[in-house]
C-alpha atoms as a PDB file:
ATOM      1  CA  MET A   1      31.997  30.069  68.422  1.00  0.00           C
ATOM      2  CA  GLU A   2      34.039  32.907  66.968  1.00  0.00           C
ATOM      3  CA  LYS A   3      33.138  34.241  63.558  1.00  0.00           C
ATOM      4  CA  PRO A   4      35.805  35.206  61.050  1.00  0.00           C
ATOM      5  CA  VAL A   5      36.391  38.794  59.992  1.00  0.00           C
ATOM      6  CA  ILE A   6      35.114  39.390  56.464  1.00  0.00           C
ATOM      7  CA  ALA A   7      38.336  40.473  54.749  1.00  0.00           C
ATOM      8  CA  ASP A   8      36.521  41.338  51.504  1.00  0.00           C
ATOM      9  CA  THR A   9      33.153  40.725  49.852  1.00  0.00           C
ATOM     10  CA  MET A  10      34.793  39.450  46.674  1.00  0.00           C
ATOM     11  CA  PHE A  11      37.114  36.571  45.846  1.00  0.00           C
ATOM     12  CA  ILE A  12      40.848  37.089  45.421  1.00  0.00           C
ATOM     13  CA  ALA A  13      42.244  35.703  42.161  1.00  0.00           C
ATOM     14  CA  VAL A  14      45.845  34.528  42.415  1.00  0.00           C
ATOM     15  CA  ASP A  15      48.288  32.698  40.158  1.00  0.00           C
ATOM     16  CA  LEU A  16      49.794  29.848  42.157  1.00  0.00           C
ATOM     17  CA  GLU A  17      52.815  27.702  41.404  1.00  0.00           C
ATOM     18  CA  PRO A  18      52.980  24.094  42.580  1.00  0.00           C
ATOM     19  CA  GLY A  19      53.490  23.999  46.325  1.00  0.00           C
ATOM     20  CA  THR A  20      51.910  24.213  49.747  1.00  0.00           C
ATOM     21  CA  TYR A  21      49.979  27.299  50.851  1.00  0.00           C
ATOM     22  CA  TRP A  22      48.257  28.433  54.059  1.00  0.00           C
ATOM     23  CA  TRP A  23      44.860  30.108  53.564  1.00  0.00           C
ATOM     24  CA  CYS A  24      43.747  32.572  56.235  1.00  0.00           C
ATOM     25  CA  ARG A  25      40.558  31.395  57.980  1.00  0.00           C
ATOM     26  CA  CYS A  26      40.255  34.200  60.539  1.00  0.00           C
ATOM     27  CA  GLY A  27      40.115  37.130  58.093  1.00  0.00           C
ATOM     28  CA  ARG A  28      42.641  39.174  60.107  1.00  0.00           C
ATOM     29  CA  SER A  29      45.716  38.575  57.956  1.00  0.00           C
ATOM     30  CA  LYS A  30      47.288  41.599  56.261  1.00  0.00           C
ATOM     31  CA  THR A  31      48.484  39.288  53.464  1.00  0.00           C
ATOM     32  CA  GLN A  32      45.044  38.082  52.310  1.00  0.00           C
ATOM     33  CA  PRO A  33      44.156  35.504  51.264  1.00  0.00           C
ATOM     34  CA  PHE A  34      47.164  33.903  52.945  1.00  0.00           C
ATOM     35  CA  CYS A  35      47.943  33.541  56.643  1.00  0.00           C
ATOM     36  CA  ASP A  36      50.385  35.923  58.339  1.00  0.00           C
ATOM     37  CA  GLY A  37      49.867  34.611  61.878  1.00  0.00           C
ATOM     38  CA  SER A  38      47.232  37.198  62.856  1.00  0.00           C
ATOM     39  CA  HIS A  39      45.012  34.392  64.170  1.00  0.00           C
ATOM     40  CA  ALA A  40      47.206  34.129  67.288  1.00  0.00           C
ATOM     41  CA  GLY A  41      44.998  34.274  70.373  1.00  0.00           C
ATOM     42  CA  THR A  42      41.866  33.215  68.474  1.00  0.00           C
ATOM     43  CA  SER A  43      40.272  29.821  67.921  1.00  0.00           C
ATOM     44  CA  PHE A  44      41.211  29.931  64.217  1.00  0.00           C
ATOM     45  CA  GLU A  45      43.967  28.016  62.457  1.00  0.00           C
ATOM     46  CA  PRO A  46      45.018  28.492  58.821  1.00  0.00           C
ATOM     47  CA  LEU A  47      44.054  25.905  56.226  1.00  0.00           C
ATOM     48  CA  GLU A  48      46.943  24.130  54.526  1.00  0.00           C
ATOM     49  CA  PHE A  49      46.321  23.313  50.870  1.00  0.00           C
ATOM     50  CA  GLU A  50      48.454  22.018  48.046  1.00  0.00           C
ATOM     51  CA  VAL A  51      48.583  23.024  44.394  1.00  0.00           C
ATOM     52  CA  LYS A  52      50.001  20.339  42.107  1.00  0.00           C
ATOM     53  CA  THR A  53      50.112  22.337  38.854  1.00  0.00           C
ATOM     54  CA  ALA A  54      50.485  26.056  38.173  1.00  0.00           C
ATOM     55  CA  LYS A  55      47.058  27.643  37.849  1.00  0.00           C
ATOM     56  CA  ARG A  56      44.932  30.708  38.536  1.00  0.00           C
ATOM     57  CA  VAL A  57      42.460  30.213  41.384  1.00  0.00           C
ATOM     58  CA  LYS A  58      39.766  32.257  43.109  1.00  0.00           C
ATOM     59  CA  LEU A  59      40.325  32.125  46.855  1.00  0.00           C
ATOM     60  CA  CYS A  60      37.648  33.096  49.343  1.00  0.00           C
ATOM     61  CA  ALA A  61      38.083  36.434  51.116  1.00  0.00           C
ATOM     62  CA  CYS A  62      34.751  36.539  52.965  1.00  0.00           C
ATOM     63  CA  LYS A  63      35.804  33.443  54.969  1.00  0.00           C
ATOM     64  CA  HIS A  64      32.318  31.908  54.780  1.00  0.00           C
ATOM     65  CA  THR A  65      32.786  29.610  51.767  1.00  0.00           C
ATOM     66  CA  LYS A  66      31.515  26.055  52.032  1.00  0.00           C
ATOM     67  CA  SER A  67      34.512  24.861  49.950  1.00  0.00           C
ATOM     68  CA  PRO A  68      37.589  26.425  51.571  1.00  0.00           C
ATOM     69  CA  PRO A  69      39.923  27.824  50.442  1.00  0.00           C
ATOM     70  CA  TYR A  70      38.059  28.321  47.163  1.00  0.00           C
ATOM     71  CA  CYS A  71      35.345  30.875  46.559  1.00  0.00           C
ATOM     72  CA  ASP A  72      31.818  29.481  46.154  1.00  0.00           C
ATOM     73  CA  SER A  73      30.183  32.938  45.843  1.00  0.00           C
ATOM     74  CA  THR A  74      28.841  32.901  49.414  1.00  0.00           C
ATOM     75  CA  HIS A  75      29.961  36.542  49.568  1.00  0.00           C
ATOM     76  CA  ASN A  76      26.930  37.400  47.415  1.00  0.00           C
ATOM     77  CA  ASP A  77      24.651  36.448  50.328  1.00  0.00           C
ATOM     78  CA  LEU A  78      26.424  38.373  53.090  1.00  0.00           C
END
C-alpha cells in the first residue's frame, strides 16, 4: 500500500465558500491542500467534500488524519 507524501507537518487554514472541493490525498499536489491531478499514476484519488456555509476550516496537510479532509492533529505524532 502506497503512503502519501507529507506535504506539511501543520494544518492549512482556508476560508471556503459554499461549494464542492477536492482535497489532495496523495500529498503531491502543488496547490495544497487541494488536488491538482498530481496523483496520476498512483493508487490515490482526491477526496470530494462539500461546504454548505462559508467558513474557515483547518485542512490536513500531513495526509494522515483520521478525519479527512480535516486536521485532527495527527501531524504532532509524525
